[in-house]
C-alpha atoms as a PDB file:
ATOM      1  CA  MET A   1       2.523  64.221 130.477  1.00  0.00           C
ATOM      2  CA  GLU A   2       4.967  66.807 129.251  1.00  0.00           C
ATOM      3  CA  LEU A   3       7.821  65.627 131.504  1.00  0.00           C
ATOM      4  CA  ILE A   4       7.747  62.156 129.928  1.00  0.00           C
ATOM      5  CA  GLU A   5       7.842  63.653 126.441  1.00  0.00           C
ATOM      6  CA  ARG A   6      10.818  65.824 127.424  1.00  0.00           C
ATOM      7  CA  TYR A   7      12.476  62.805 128.977  1.00  0.00           C
ATOM      8  CA  LEU A   8      12.042  60.745 125.806  1.00  0.00           C
ATOM      9  CA  HIS A   9      13.236  63.632 123.612  1.00  0.00           C
ATOM     10  CA  GLU A  10      16.451  63.956 125.662  1.00  0.00           C
ATOM     11  CA  THR A  11      16.999  60.180 125.780  1.00  0.00           C
ATOM     12  CA  GLY A  12      16.754  60.041 121.986  1.00  0.00           C
ATOM     13  CA  LYS A  13      19.810  62.257 121.678  1.00  0.00           C
ATOM     14  CA  TYR A  14      21.971  59.433 123.100  1.00  0.00           C
ATOM     15  CA  LEU A  15      20.543  56.624 120.944  1.00  0.00           C
ATOM     16  CA  ALA A  16      21.668  55.499 117.498  1.00  0.00           C
ATOM     17  CA  ARG A  17      19.213  56.597 114.767  1.00  0.00           C
ATOM     18  CA  LYS A  18      18.592  53.024 113.557  1.00  0.00           C
ATOM     19  CA  ASN A  19      16.618  51.708 116.560  1.00  0.00           C
ATOM     20  CA  ARG A  20      15.773  55.037 118.170  1.00  0.00           C
ATOM     21  CA  ALA A  21      12.055  55.081 117.452  1.00  0.00           C
ATOM     22  CA  ASP A  22      11.433  51.483 118.667  1.00  0.00           C
ATOM     23  CA  ILE A  23      13.448  52.047 121.864  1.00  0.00           C
ATOM     24  CA  LEU A  24      11.688  55.318 122.685  1.00  0.00           C
ATOM     25  CA  ALA A  25       8.271  53.648 122.092  1.00  0.00           C
ATOM     26  CA  GLU A  26       9.216  50.868 124.493  1.00  0.00           C
ATOM     27  CA  ILE A  27      10.397  53.289 127.154  1.00  0.00           C
ATOM     28  CA  LYS A  28       7.251  55.380 126.792  1.00  0.00           C
ATOM     29  CA  SER A  29       5.033  52.320 127.111  1.00  0.00           C
ATOM     30  CA  HIS A  30       6.875  51.177 130.239  1.00  0.00           C
ATOM     31  CA  LEU A  31       6.636  54.565 131.899  1.00  0.00           C
ATOM     32  CA  GLU A  32       2.934  55.031 131.124  1.00  0.00           C
ATOM     33  CA  ASP A  33       2.014  51.486 132.215  1.00  0.00           C
ATOM     34  CA  THR A  34       3.924  51.883 135.478  1.00  0.00           C
ATOM     35  CA  LEU A  35       2.191  55.168 136.192  1.00  0.00           C
ATOM     36  CA  ASP A  36      -1.257  53.660 135.491  1.00  0.00           C
ATOM     37  CA  GLU A  37      -0.549  50.787 137.886  1.00  0.00           C
ATOM     38  CA  ARG A  38       0.643  53.091 140.647  1.00  0.00           C
ATOM     39  CA  THR A  39      -1.999  55.758 140.342  1.00  0.00           C
ATOM     40  CA  ASN A  40      -5.042  53.932 138.914  1.00  0.00           C
ATOM     41  CA  GLY A  41      -4.804  56.073 135.758  1.00  0.00           C
ATOM     42  CA  ASN A  42      -4.662  59.455 137.540  1.00  0.00           C
ATOM     43  CA  PRO A  43      -0.978  60.401 137.811  1.00  0.00           C
ATOM     44  CA  THR A  44       0.128  63.759 139.079  1.00  0.00           C
ATOM     45  CA  ASP A  45       3.323  65.652 138.255  1.00  0.00           C
ATOM     46  CA  GLU A  46       4.841  64.421 141.511  1.00  0.00           C
ATOM     47  CA  ASP A  47       4.139  60.855 140.484  1.00  0.00           C
ATOM     48  CA  VAL A  48       5.863  61.435 137.127  1.00  0.00           C
ATOM     49  CA  VAL A  49       8.879  63.057 138.815  1.00  0.00           C
ATOM     50  CA  ALA A  50       9.229  60.214 141.273  1.00  0.00           C
ATOM     51  CA  LEU A  51       9.080  57.568 138.516  1.00  0.00           C
ATOM     52  CA  LEU A  52      11.661  59.364 136.391  1.00  0.00           C
ATOM     53  CA  LYS A  53      14.012  59.670 139.332  1.00  0.00           C
ATOM     54  CA  GLU A  54      13.759  55.907 139.853  1.00  0.00           C
ATOM     55  CA  THR A  55      14.309  55.308 136.138  1.00  0.00           C
ATOM     56  CA  GLY A  56      17.461  57.389 135.931  1.00  0.00           C
ATOM     57  CA  SER A  57      18.740  60.148 133.687  1.00  0.00           C
ATOM     58  CA  PRO A  58      18.310  60.048 129.915  1.00  0.00           C
ATOM     59  CA  GLN A  59      22.029  59.150 129.527  1.00  0.00           C
ATOM     60  CA  LYS A  60      21.701  56.236 131.917  1.00  0.00           C
ATOM     61  CA  MET A  61      18.534  55.001 130.270  1.00  0.00           C
ATOM     62  CA  ALA A  62      20.156  55.116 126.785  1.00  0.00           C
ATOM     63  CA  ALA A  63      23.231  53.291 128.075  1.00  0.00           C
ATOM     64  CA  SER A  64      21.047  50.495 129.443  1.00  0.00           C
ATOM     65  CA  TYR A  65      20.089  49.607 125.872  1.00  0.00           C
ATOM     66  CA  ALA A  66      23.710  48.995 124.918  1.00  0.00           C
ATOM     67  CA  PRO A  67      25.132  46.056 126.900  1.00  0.00           C
ATOM     68  CA  GLN A  68      28.930  45.843 126.785  1.00  0.00           C
ATOM     69  CA  GLY A  69      30.154  43.782 123.914  1.00  0.00           C
ATOM     70  CA  GLN A  70      27.181  44.325 121.635  1.00  0.00           C
ATOM     71  CA  TYR A  71      28.218  47.734 120.362  1.00  0.00           C
ATOM     72  CA  VAL A  72      31.469  48.997 118.886  1.00  0.00           C
ATOM     73  CA  VAL A  73      30.792  52.349 120.582  1.00  0.00           C
ATOM     74  CA  GLY A  74      27.920  52.292 123.089  1.00  0.00           C
ATOM     75  CA  PRO A  75      25.631  55.182 124.084  1.00  0.00           C
ATOM     76  CA  ALA A  76      27.791  56.074 127.123  1.00  0.00           C
ATOM     77  CA  LEU A  77      30.713  56.923 124.828  1.00  0.00           C
ATOM     78  CA  PHE A  78      28.745  57.771 121.654  1.00  0.00           C
ATOM     79  CA  PRO A  79      28.356  61.573 122.300  1.00  0.00           C
ATOM     80  CA  LEU A  80      32.072  61.894 122.989  1.00  0.00           C
ATOM     81  CA  TRP A  81      32.939  59.730 119.931  1.00  0.00           C
ATOM     82  CA  ARG A  82      30.738  61.873 117.715  1.00  0.00           C
ATOM     83  CA  LEU A  83      32.431  65.040 118.976  1.00  0.00           C
ATOM     84  CA  VAL A  84      36.001  63.698 118.565  1.00  0.00           C
ATOM     85  CA  THR A  85      35.197  62.287 115.117  1.00  0.00           C
ATOM     86  CA  GLY A  86      33.881  65.621 113.884  1.00  0.00           C
ATOM     87  CA  ILE A  87      36.875  67.537 115.194  1.00  0.00           C
ATOM     88  CA  ALA A  88      39.327  64.957 113.815  1.00  0.00           C
ATOM     89  CA  ILE A  89      37.770  65.021 110.347  1.00  0.00           C
ATOM     90  CA  ALA A  90      37.738  68.841 110.392  1.00  0.00           C
ATOM     91  CA  ALA A  91      41.378  68.974 111.395  1.00  0.00           C
ATOM     92  CA  VAL A  92      42.557  66.429 108.795  1.00  0.00           C
ATOM     93  CA  LEU A  93      40.577  68.007 105.941  1.00  0.00           C
ATOM     94  CA  GLY A  94      41.716  71.488 106.955  1.00  0.00           C
ATOM     95  CA  ALA A  95      45.352  70.393 106.990  1.00  0.00           C
ATOM     96  CA  GLN A  96      45.033  68.745 103.551  1.00  0.00           C
ATOM     97  CA  LEU A  97      43.280  71.779 102.047  1.00  0.00           C
ATOM     98  CA  LEU A  98      45.974  74.046 103.487  1.00  0.00           C
ATOM     99  CA  ALA A  99      48.711  71.832 102.034  1.00  0.00           C
ATOM    100  CA  TRP A 100      46.875  71.879  98.648  1.00  0.00           C
ATOM    101  CA  GLY A 101      46.592  75.685  98.739  1.00  0.00           C
ATOM    102  CA  ILE A 102      50.292  76.022  99.491  1.00  0.00           C
ATOM    103  CA  SER A 103      51.112  73.637  96.663  1.00  0.00           C
ATOM    104  CA  VAL A 104      49.033  75.667  94.251  1.00  0.00           C
ATOM    105  CA  TRP A 105      50.890  78.797  95.314  1.00  0.00           C
ATOM    106  CA  VAL A 106      54.358  77.255  95.148  1.00  0.00           C
ATOM    107  CA  GLU A 107      53.713  75.505  91.840  1.00  0.00           C
ATOM    108  CA  ASN A 108      52.245  78.641  90.282  1.00  0.00           C
ATOM    109  CA  GLY A 109      48.752  77.230  89.960  1.00  0.00           C
ATOM    110  CA  PHE A 110      49.596  73.654  88.936  1.00  0.00           C
ATOM    111  CA  VAL A 111      48.204  70.844  91.045  1.00  0.00           C
ATOM    112  CA  ASP A 112      46.982  67.307  90.383  1.00  0.00           C
ATOM    113  CA  THR A 113      43.278  67.767  91.124  1.00  0.00           C
ATOM    114  CA  ALA A 114      42.471  64.051  90.936  1.00  0.00           C
ATOM    115  CA  GLU A 115      45.235  63.196  93.385  1.00  0.00           C
ATOM    116  CA  MET A 116      44.015  65.979  95.728  1.00  0.00           C
ATOM    117  CA  LEU A 117      40.381  64.722  95.671  1.00  0.00           C
ATOM    118  CA  ALA A 118      41.528  61.095  96.162  1.00  0.00           C
ATOM    119  CA  GLY A 119      43.507  62.159  99.190  1.00  0.00           C
ATOM    120  CA  LEU A 120      40.517  63.974 100.701  1.00  0.00           C
ATOM    121  CA  LEU A 121      38.178  61.023 100.083  1.00  0.00           C
ATOM    122  CA  ASN A 122      40.661  58.494 101.578  1.00  0.00           C
ATOM    123  CA  SER A 123      41.381  60.612 104.645  1.00  0.00           C
ATOM    124  CA  VAL A 124      37.754  60.608 105.879  1.00  0.00           C
ATOM    125  CA  PRO A 125      37.263  56.831 106.370  1.00  0.00           C
ATOM    126  CA  MET A 126      40.820  56.491 107.611  1.00  0.00           C
ATOM    127  CA  THR A 127      40.263  59.165 110.250  1.00  0.00           C
ATOM    128  CA  ILE A 128      36.962  57.648 111.337  1.00  0.00           C
ATOM    129  CA  GLY A 129      38.553  54.222 111.491  1.00  0.00           C
ATOM    130  CA  TRP A 130      41.356  55.342 113.830  1.00  0.00           C
ATOM    131  CA  VAL A 131      38.923  57.166 116.100  1.00  0.00           C
ATOM    132  CA  VAL A 132      36.679  54.048 116.255  1.00  0.00           C
ATOM    133  CA  ILE A 133      39.660  51.855 117.133  1.00  0.00           C
ATOM    134  CA  VAL A 134      40.587  54.167 120.010  1.00  0.00           C
ATOM    135  CA  PHE A 135      37.021  54.096 121.350  1.00  0.00           C
ATOM    136  CA  MET A 136      36.772  50.337 120.893  1.00  0.00           C
ATOM    137  CA  ILE A 137      39.806  50.060 123.192  1.00  0.00           C
ATOM    138  CA  LEU A 138      38.283  52.481 125.700  1.00  0.00           C
ATOM    139  CA  GLN A 139      34.983  50.531 125.735  1.00  0.00           C
ATOM    140  CA  ALA A 140      36.784  47.200 126.063  1.00  0.00           C
ATOM    141  CA  LYS A 141      38.707  48.593 129.064  1.00  0.00           C
ATOM    142  CA  GLY A 142      35.459  49.773 130.646  1.00  0.00           C
ATOM    143  CA  VAL A 143      36.275  53.445 130.305  1.00  0.00           C
ATOM    144  CA  ASN A 144      32.817  55.079 130.342  1.00  0.00           C
ATOM    145  CA  PRO A 145      31.485  58.353 131.663  1.00  0.00           C
ATOM    146  CA  LYS A 146      29.919  58.022 135.109  1.00  0.00           C
ATOM    147  CA  LEU A 147      26.203  58.612 134.916  1.00  0.00           C
ATOM    148  CA  ASP A 148      23.988  60.100 137.592  1.00  0.00           C
ATOM    149  CA  GLU A 149      26.908  61.092 139.859  1.00  0.00           C
ATOM    150  CA  GLU A 150      24.770  63.906 141.279  1.00  0.00           C
ATOM    151  CA  PRO A 151      21.107  63.809 142.263  1.00  0.00           C
ATOM    152  CA  TRP A 152      19.128  64.054 139.055  1.00  0.00           C
ATOM    153  CA  ASN A 153      16.027  66.237 138.911  1.00  0.00           C
ATOM    154  CA  PRO A 154      13.545  65.432 136.101  1.00  0.00           C
ATOM    155  CA  ARG A 155      12.152  68.963 136.399  1.00  0.00           C
ATOM    156  CA  ASN A 156      15.443  70.231 134.949  1.00  0.00           C
ATOM    157  CA  LEU A 157      14.850  68.439 131.661  1.00  0.00           C
ATOM    158  CA  PRO A 158      15.074  70.964 128.804  1.00  0.00           C
ATOM    159  CA  ALA A 159      11.847  71.783 127.009  1.00  0.00           C
ATOM    160  CA  ILE A 160      11.315  70.194 123.588  1.00  0.00           C
ATOM    161  CA  ASP A 161      12.560  72.731 121.118  1.00  0.00           C
ATOM    162  CA  ASN A 162      14.080  71.472 117.901  1.00  0.00           C
ATOM    163  CA  THR A 163      15.409  74.971 117.121  1.00  0.00           C
ATOM    164  CA  ASN A 164      18.006  74.334 119.833  1.00  0.00           C
ATOM    165  CA  ASP A 165      19.473  71.331 117.942  1.00  0.00           C
ATOM    166  CA  ILE A 166      22.854  72.137 116.409  1.00  0.00           C
ATOM    167  CA  LYS A 167      23.648  71.514 112.752  1.00  0.00           C
ATOM    168  CA  ARG A 168      26.797  69.458 113.022  1.00  0.00           C
ATOM    169  CA  GLY A 169      27.555  69.542 109.272  1.00  0.00           C
ATOM    170  CA  GLU A 170      27.539  73.356 109.208  1.00  0.00           C
ATOM    171  CA  LEU A 171      29.683  73.608 112.308  1.00  0.00           C
ATOM    172  CA  ILE A 172      32.281  71.131 111.027  1.00  0.00           C
ATOM    173  CA  ALA A 173      32.357  72.899 107.639  1.00  0.00           C
ATOM    174  CA  GLY A 174      32.823  76.204 109.417  1.00  0.00           C
ATOM    175  CA  ILE A 175      35.684  74.838 111.467  1.00  0.00           C
ATOM    176  CA  VAL A 176      37.415  73.451 108.361  1.00  0.00           C
ATOM    177  CA  PHE A 177      36.994  76.617 106.315  1.00  0.00           C
ATOM    178  CA  GLY A 178      37.901  78.894 109.237  1.00  0.00           C
ATOM    179  CA  SER A 179      40.990  76.864 110.095  1.00  0.00           C
ATOM    180  CA  LEU A 180      42.130  76.971 106.436  1.00  0.00           C
ATOM    181  CA  VAL A 181      41.680  80.743 106.147  1.00  0.00           C
ATOM    182  CA  LEU A 182      43.324  81.273 109.531  1.00  0.00           C
ATOM    183  CA  ALA A 183      46.300  79.147 108.496  1.00  0.00           C
ATOM    184  CA  VAL A 184      46.696  81.052 105.231  1.00  0.00           C
ATOM    185  CA  LEU A 185      46.499  84.398 107.091  1.00  0.00           C
ATOM    186  CA  THR A 186      49.065  83.257 109.610  1.00  0.00           C
ATOM    187  CA  VAL A 187      51.506  81.621 107.168  1.00  0.00           C
ATOM    188  CA  MET A 188      51.182  83.919 104.182  1.00  0.00           C
ATOM    189  CA  PRO A 189      49.819  87.345 105.256  1.00  0.00           C
ATOM    190  CA  ASP A 190      51.726  89.020 102.429  1.00  0.00           C
ATOM    191  CA  LYS A 191      49.905  86.906  99.879  1.00  0.00           C
ATOM    192  CA  ILE A 192      46.447  88.410 100.600  1.00  0.00           C
ATOM    193  CA  GLY A 193      45.630  90.762  97.765  1.00  0.00           C
ATOM    194  CA  PHE A 194      44.873  90.570  94.059  1.00  0.00           C
ATOM    195  CA  ILE A 195      46.586  90.018  90.715  1.00  0.00           C
ATOM    196  CA  ASN A 196      46.773  92.930  88.238  1.00  0.00           C
ATOM    197  CA  PHE A 197      45.370  91.941  84.829  1.00  0.00           C
ATOM    198  CA  PRO A 198      46.710  92.503  82.279  1.00  0.00           C
ATOM    199  CA  GLY A 199      50.296  92.211  83.383  1.00  0.00           C
ATOM    200  CA  GLY A 200      50.025  89.614  86.098  1.00  0.00           C
ATOM    201  CA  ASP A 201      51.601  91.647  88.893  1.00  0.00           C
ATOM    202  CA  PHE A 202      50.527  90.871  92.456  1.00  0.00           C
ATOM    203  CA  PHE A 203      49.501  93.558  94.905  1.00  0.00           C
ATOM    204  CA  ALA A 204      49.267  92.799  98.609  1.00  0.00           C
ATOM    205  CA  ASN A 205      46.544  94.496 100.613  1.00  0.00           C
ATOM    206  CA  PRO A 206      48.314  96.587 103.281  1.00  0.00           C
ATOM    207  CA  ILE A 207      45.167  96.939 105.393  1.00  0.00           C
ATOM    208  CA  ILE A 208      44.868  93.175 105.900  1.00  0.00           C
ATOM    209  CA  LYS A 209      48.403  92.953 107.316  1.00  0.00           C
ATOM    210  CA  GLN A 210      47.790  96.007 109.523  1.00  0.00           C
ATOM    211  CA  TYR A 211      44.729  94.441 111.161  1.00  0.00           C
ATOM    212  CA  LEU A 212      45.880  90.820 110.989  1.00  0.00           C
ATOM    213  CA  PRO A 213      45.899  90.203 114.759  1.00  0.00           C
ATOM    214  CA  TRP A 214      42.294  91.356 115.094  1.00  0.00           C
ATOM    215  CA  ILE A 215      41.185  89.292 112.129  1.00  0.00           C
ATOM    216  CA  CYS A 216      42.879  86.142 113.462  1.00  0.00           C
ATOM    217  CA  LEU A 217      41.445  86.727 116.940  1.00  0.00           C
ATOM    218  CA  SER A 218      37.933  87.090 115.548  1.00  0.00           C
ATOM    219  CA  MET A 219      38.292  83.820 113.594  1.00  0.00           C
ATOM    220  CA  LEU A 220      39.683  81.981 116.618  1.00  0.00           C
ATOM    221  CA  VAL A 221      36.724  83.088 118.702  1.00  0.00           C
ATOM    222  CA  ASN A 222      34.265  81.752 116.089  1.00  0.00           C
ATOM    223  CA  ILE A 223      36.171  78.466 115.601  1.00  0.00           C
ATOM    224  CA  GLY A 224      36.386  77.971 119.382  1.00  0.00           C
ATOM    225  CA  LEU A 225      32.640  78.568 119.744  1.00  0.00           C
ATOM    226  CA  SER A 226      31.894  75.997 116.973  1.00  0.00           C
ATOM    227  CA  ILE A 227      34.061  73.392 118.741  1.00  0.00           C
ATOM    228  CA  TYR A 228      32.357  74.136 122.033  1.00  0.00           C
ATOM    229  CA  LEU A 229      28.919  73.720 120.406  1.00  0.00           C
ATOM    230  CA  LEU A 230      29.941  70.370 118.957  1.00  0.00           C
ATOM    231  CA  TRP A 231      30.825  69.298 122.508  1.00  0.00           C
ATOM    232  CA  ARG A 232      27.608  70.624 124.006  1.00  0.00           C
ATOM    233  CA  GLY A 233      25.403  69.132 121.314  1.00  0.00           C
ATOM    234  CA  HIS A 234      22.665  71.787 121.491  1.00  0.00           C
ATOM    235  CA  TRP A 235      21.979  75.510 121.857  1.00  0.00           C
ATOM    236  CA  ASN A 236      20.960  77.218 125.048  1.00  0.00           C
ATOM    237  CA  ILE A 237      20.660  80.804 126.217  1.00  0.00           C
ATOM    238  CA  ALA A 238      24.305  80.943 127.262  1.00  0.00           C
ATOM    239  CA  THR A 239      25.701  79.666 123.924  1.00  0.00           C
ATOM    240  CA  ARG A 240      23.385  81.953 121.982  1.00  0.00           C
ATOM    241  CA  ALA A 241      24.686  84.880 124.023  1.00  0.00           C
ATOM    242  CA  MET A 242      28.254  83.713 123.335  1.00  0.00           C
ATOM    243  CA  GLU A 243      27.492  83.577 119.609  1.00  0.00           C
ATOM    244  CA  ILE A 244      26.033  87.081 119.625  1.00  0.00           C
ATOM    245  CA  GLY A 245      29.119  88.296 121.535  1.00  0.00           C
ATOM    246  CA  ALA A 246      31.364  86.680 118.858  1.00  0.00           C
ATOM    247  CA  ASP A 247      29.275  88.325 116.125  1.00  0.00           C
ATOM    248  CA  VAL A 248      29.551  91.732 117.837  1.00  0.00           C
ATOM    249  CA  PHE A 249      33.320  91.328 117.922  1.00  0.00           C
ATOM    250  CA  SER A 250      33.254  90.410 114.212  1.00  0.00           C
ATOM    251  CA  ILE A 251      31.204  93.554 113.563  1.00  0.00           C
ATOM    252  CA  VAL A 252      33.859  95.632 115.320  1.00  0.00           C
ATOM    253  CA  VAL A 253      36.649  94.064 113.260  1.00  0.00           C
ATOM    254  CA  LEU A 254      34.703  94.482 109.994  1.00  0.00           C
ATOM    255  CA  THR A 255      34.020  98.093 110.859  1.00  0.00           C
ATOM    256  CA  LEU A 256      37.726  98.697 111.445  1.00  0.00           C
ATOM    257  CA  LEU A 257      38.597  97.057 108.115  1.00  0.00           C
ATOM    258  CA  TYR A 258      35.935  98.997 106.238  1.00  0.00           C
ATOM    259  CA  LYS A 259      36.930 102.304 107.812  1.00  0.00           C
ATOM    260  CA  ALA A 260      40.629 101.647 107.122  1.00  0.00           C
ATOM    261  CA  HIS A 261      39.892 100.910 103.427  1.00  0.00           C
ATOM    262  CA  LEU A 262      37.699 104.010 103.281  1.00  0.00           C
ATOM    263  CA  ASP A 263      40.519 106.138 104.669  1.00  0.00           C
ATOM    264  CA  TRP A 264      42.999 104.521 102.265  1.00  0.00           C
ATOM    265  CA  SER A 265      40.703 105.287  99.318  1.00  0.00           C
ATOM    266  CA  ALA A 266      40.218 108.907 100.430  1.00  0.00           C
ATOM    267  CA  ALA A 267      43.984 109.303 100.793  1.00  0.00           C
ATOM    268  CA  HIS A 268      44.427 108.180  97.199  1.00  0.00           C
ATOM    269  CA  GLY A 269      41.742 110.506  95.842  1.00  0.00           C
ATOM    270  CA  LEU A 270      38.942 107.900  95.462  1.00  0.00           C
ATOM    271  CA  ASN A 271      35.330 108.405  96.450  1.00  0.00           C
ATOM    272  CA  GLY A 272      33.730 105.233  95.121  1.00  0.00           C
ATOM    273  CA  PHE A 273      34.093 102.143  92.968  1.00  0.00           C
ATOM    274  CA  PHE A 274      32.590 103.668  89.857  1.00  0.00           C
ATOM    275  CA  LEU A 275      34.843 106.681  90.128  1.00  0.00           C
ATOM    276  CA  SER A 276      37.759 104.248  90.090  1.00  0.00           C
ATOM    277  CA  ILE A 277      36.522 102.752  86.847  1.00  0.00           C
ATOM    278  CA  GLU A 278      36.416 106.203  85.264  1.00  0.00           C
ATOM    279  CA  GLN A 279      40.070 106.587  86.213  1.00  0.00           C
ATOM    280  CA  LEU A 280      41.221 103.812  83.859  1.00  0.00           C
ATOM    281  CA  THR A 281      43.641 106.082  82.079  1.00  0.00           C
ATOM    282  CA  GLY A 282      47.396 106.506  82.318  1.00  0.00           C
ATOM    283  CA  ASP A 283      49.201 103.956  84.477  1.00  0.00           C
ATOM    284  CA  ILE A 284      47.017 100.794  84.147  1.00  0.00           C
ATOM    285  CA  SER A 285      48.793  98.903  86.930  1.00  0.00           C
ATOM    286  CA  LYS A 286      48.196 101.785  89.369  1.00  0.00           C
ATOM    287  CA  ASN A 287      44.513 102.048  88.448  1.00  0.00           C
ATOM    288  CA  TYR A 288      43.933  98.331  88.830  1.00  0.00           C
ATOM    289  CA  TYR A 289      45.534  98.569  92.251  1.00  0.00           C
ATOM    290  CA  LEU A 290      43.072 101.331  93.205  1.00  0.00           C
ATOM    291  CA  ILE A 291      40.095  99.398  91.858  1.00  0.00           C
ATOM    292  CA  GLY A 292      41.247  96.254  93.725  1.00  0.00           C
ATOM    293  CA  MET A 293      41.378  98.145  97.021  1.00  0.00           C
ATOM    294  CA  GLU A 294      37.934  99.582  96.324  1.00  0.00           C
ATOM    295  CA  ALA A 295      36.648  96.057  95.711  1.00  0.00           C
ATOM    296  CA  PHE A 296      38.021  94.984  99.092  1.00  0.00           C
ATOM    297  CA  ARG A 297      36.252  97.973 100.711  1.00  0.00           C
ATOM    298  CA  MET A 298      32.923  97.075  99.102  1.00  0.00           C
ATOM    299  CA  ALA A 299      33.307  93.418 100.136  1.00  0.00           C
ATOM    300  CA  PHE A 300      33.911  94.404 103.776  1.00  0.00           C
ATOM    301  CA  GLY A 301      31.009  96.835 103.623  1.00  0.00           C
ATOM    302  CA  ILE A 302      28.638  94.119 102.389  1.00  0.00           C
ATOM    303  CA  ALA A 303      29.978  91.629 104.974  1.00  0.00           C
ATOM    304  CA  LEU A 304      29.444  94.248 107.693  1.00  0.00           C
ATOM    305  CA  ILE A 305      25.815  94.919 106.685  1.00  0.00           C
ATOM    306  CA  VAL A 306      25.010  91.177 106.440  1.00  0.00           C
ATOM    307  CA  THR A 307      26.654  90.461 109.820  1.00  0.00           C
ATOM    308  CA  VAL A 308      24.677  93.272 111.511  1.00  0.00           C
ATOM    309  CA  VAL A 309      21.398  92.009 110.096  1.00  0.00           C
ATOM    310  CA  VAL A 310      22.132  88.375 111.005  1.00  0.00           C
ATOM    311  CA  THR A 311      23.219  89.379 114.550  1.00  0.00           C
ATOM    312  CA  ILE A 312      19.989  91.313 115.125  1.00  0.00           C
ATOM    313  CA  SER A 313      17.949  88.336 113.992  1.00  0.00           C
ATOM    314  CA  LYS A 314      19.944  86.054 116.385  1.00  0.00           C
ATOM    315  CA  LEU A 315      19.307  88.484 119.217  1.00  0.00           C
ATOM    316  CA  VAL A 316      15.570  88.394 118.532  1.00  0.00           C
ATOM    317  CA  ARG A 317      15.608  84.565 118.504  1.00  0.00           C
ATOM    318  CA  MET A 318      17.593  84.511 121.769  1.00  0.00           C
ATOM    319  CA  ILE A 319      15.014  86.751 123.438  1.00  0.00           C
ATOM    320  CA  ILE A 320      12.182  84.548 122.193  1.00  0.00           C
ATOM    321  CA  SER A 321      14.000  81.397 123.448  1.00  0.00           C
ATOM    322  CA  SER A 322      14.599  83.087 126.823  1.00  0.00           C
ATOM    323  CA  LEU A 323      10.915  83.883 127.176  1.00  0.00           C
ATOM    324  CA  ARG A 324      10.018  80.278 126.307  1.00  0.00           C
ATOM    325  CA  ALA A 325      12.541  78.974 128.860  1.00  0.00           C
ATOM    326  CA  GLY A 326      11.067  81.259 131.473  1.00  0.00           C
ATOM    327  CA  ARG A 327       7.594  79.949 130.844  1.00  0.00           C
ATOM    328  CA  ALA A 328       8.862  76.363 131.045  1.00  0.00           C
ATOM    329  CA  ALA A 329      10.589  77.144 134.326  1.00  0.00           C
ATOM    330  CA  ASP A 330       7.402  78.608 135.730  1.00  0.00           C
ATOM    331  CA  TYR A 331       5.512  75.453 134.709  1.00  0.00           C
ATOM    332  CA  SER A 332       8.086  73.128 136.356  1.00  0.00           C
ATOM    333  CA  THR A 333       7.748  74.890 139.716  1.00  0.00           C
ATOM    334  CA  LYS A 334       3.981  74.574 139.823  1.00  0.00           C
END
């Protein structure tokens, strides 16, 4: 009974981890016993579909196991609470890390690391607490998503594929890091470069500033996609296509950056990183500047190659997932 397994898998996404296994076992037993009684042990797909329609959608079933007043945040609001909590934590940590980075820059490298870590650790439970309080008020006021507003078709249940589950930790970390880098690029674009040792002079990378709008747009696209995935809760063909589109745009931006650094190097008489090392004669500050720009070029070149390879692998996975979805659709129409 594949439909029942798919129904249970989807219902489990809306249940708390603590009692999930027991609740799903109870639901499965109820569904199978009901089918046996109705069909004398010989259920058809139509019998399963009819029973699941009577039972209600996975969201509605999960919500029935959380009577009002027994949960701080019940299953009806739990997916939204999880999304809002992740975004709130990412925003707070990103803001604190940005403030810390600016302090390091302003104070010439001095910062109280213990105070910074204490602030980060304290902000997480405080943020979660405020979000919980807001959702407690919403639940007490009876503000819950309406379930089964439209006719629900069990045949539209997604196939069981754990590869479509998102990794929330990675997404939140990506949002935090991306927001931090984006903030630094926006606030201090002239501070992106390298320090000349010995001597301690700072050299700004002119290519970064030239292509800053494209870099920021690429990062905004990836951050927006991560937030959207947190809201969706799982991958599908559309979101994988969106991710590949974002990666292709990143490839274009990385190509522009690499080509611009290559042109800059050629204009300054450089043909490679090792040639720059051989030129460590004369004006040391000038030669370090050249080597620094070559290092940027190599970094963007490596990032470009890695992104291309990763994008191709994602495209292959998307094609495989599309073929699996097509076979599942064919099965559901039989």
